[in-house]
Amino acid sequence: MIEKKDLEYVAALAKLKLREEDLEKVREKFSMVLDYVSMLNKLDIEEVEPLINVNGMTNVMREDEVGESMNRETLLANAPEKMYGCIKVSKIIE
């Protein structure tokens, strides 16, 4: 069973504010999770291959190809504000 002070510490790390009446319920549930993980730690997985991809698909890689670009005026046609041939955006860093 997890100690009350340990549960309060974990709750503080998770930025959770637990009421005093909820602490015991959460403590029981948390202990159940820890007991389950403890059971999993006892399993012999020495011969189990690591699972890297569940469906066996891999990324399809291709060479980059240079193509024609769109006209700058066409791209900027719907921009709400333009400056020096670019889209003007609000400053976000002070």
Protein backbone atom coordinates (compact mmCIF):
# COMPACT_ATOMS: atom_id res chain seq x y z
CA MET A 1 0.00 0.00 0.00
CA ILE A 2 1.38 3.41 -0.94
CA GLU A 3 2.00 5.82 1.92
CA LYS A 4 -0.13 8.95 2.21
CA LYS A 5 2.87 11.27 1.97
CA ASP A 6 4.04 9.50 -1.21
CA LEU A 7 0.60 9.86 -2.76
CA GLU A 8 0.52 13.56 -1.89
CA TYR A 9 3.96 13.94 -3.47
CA VAL A 10 2.86 12.20 -6.70
CA ALA A 11 -0.33 14.31 -6.76
CA ALA A 12 1.75 17.47 -6.39
CA LEU A 13 4.00 16.38 -9.27
CA ALA A 14 0.89 15.85 -11.41
CA LYS A 15 -0.50 19.19 -10.20
CA LEU A 16 -3.56 17.47 -8.74
CA LYS A 17 -5.38 18.87 -5.77
CA LEU A 18 -6.94 15.98 -3.88
CA ARG A 19 -9.47 16.51 -1.15
CA GLU A 20 -8.81 14.75 2.13
CA GLU A 21 -11.86 12.52 1.69
CA ASP A 22 -10.66 11.41 -1.77
CA LEU A 23 -7.14 10.53 -0.67
CA GLU A 24 -8.02 7.08 0.65
CA LYS A 25 -9.94 6.09 -2.51
CA VAL A 26 -7.12 7.30 -4.75
CA ARG A 27 -4.59 5.58 -2.52
CA GLU A 28 -6.40 2.24 -2.93
CA LYS A 29 -6.64 2.63 -6.72
CA PHE A 30 -3.01 3.68 -6.98
CA SER A 31 -1.97 0.68 -4.92
CA MET A 32 -3.92 -1.61 -7.25
CA VAL A 33 -2.02 -0.17 -10.23
CA LEU A 34 1.32 -0.62 -8.46
CA ASP A 35 0.40 -4.21 -7.55
CA TYR A 36 -0.43 -4.93 -11.21
CA VAL A 37 2.88 -3.45 -12.38
CA SER A 38 4.62 -5.55 -9.75
CA MET A 39 3.00 -8.66 -11.27
CA LEU A 40 4.19 -7.62 -14.74
CA ASN A 41 7.73 -7.19 -13.45
CA LYS A 42 7.74 -10.87 -12.42
CA LEU A 43 7.06 -12.11 -15.97
CA ASP A 44 9.87 -13.85 -17.84
CA ILE A 45 10.27 -11.90 -21.07
CA GLU A 46 13.79 -13.05 -21.89
CA GLU A 47 12.73 -14.73 -25.15
CA VAL A 48 10.23 -12.07 -26.25
CA GLU A 49 11.28 -9.96 -29.23
CA PRO A 50 10.74 -6.21 -28.85
CA LEU A 51 7.74 -4.90 -30.76
CA ILE A 52 8.80 -2.04 -32.97
CA ASN A 53 5.83 -1.72 -35.30
CA VAL A 54 2.41 -3.31 -34.84
CA ASN A 55 1.41 -3.50 -38.50
CA GLY A 56 4.74 -4.23 -40.19
CA MET A 57 4.61 -1.19 -42.46
CA THR A 58 7.70 0.89 -43.06
CA ASN A 59 8.14 4.45 -44.26
CA VAL A 60 8.23 4.89 -48.00
CA MET A 61 11.23 6.99 -48.88
CA ARG A 62 11.76 8.70 -52.19
CA GLU A 63 14.23 11.16 -53.61
CA ASP A 64 13.28 14.81 -53.44
CA GLU A 65 12.42 16.22 -56.81
CA VAL A 66 12.50 19.90 -57.65
CA GLY A 67 9.25 20.98 -59.25
CA GLU A 68 7.68 24.17 -60.41
CA SER A 69 6.73 26.66 -57.74
CA MET A 70 3.50 28.61 -57.64
CA ASN A 71 3.46 32.25 -58.59
CA ARG A 72 4.17 34.53 -55.59
CA GLU A 73 1.22 36.81 -56.40
CA THR A 74 -1.12 33.82 -56.48
CA LEU A 75 0.13 32.60 -53.11
CA LEU A 76 -0.18 36.06 -51.52
CA ALA A 77 -3.60 36.80 -53.03
CA ASN A 78 -5.53 35.64 -49.93
CA ALA A 79 -3.02 36.81 -47.31
CA PRO A 80 -4.64 39.32 -44.94
CA GLU A 81 -1.43 41.42 -44.78
CA LYS A 82 1.69 41.43 -46.92
CA MET A 83 5.11 42.99 -46.42
CA TYR A 84 8.18 42.81 -48.68
CA GLY A 85 6.57 40.10 -50.80
CA CYS A 86 5.85 37.87 -47.79
CA ILE A 87 2.89 37.19 -45.51
CA LYS A 88 3.01 39.58 -42.55
CA VAL A 89 2.23 37.96 -39.19
CA SER A 90 1.91 39.34 -35.70
CA LYS A 91 4.98 39.40 -33.48
CA ILE A 92 4.81 36.55 -30.96
CA ILE A 93 8.13 36.93 -29.14
CA GLU A 94 8.92 40.03 -27.14
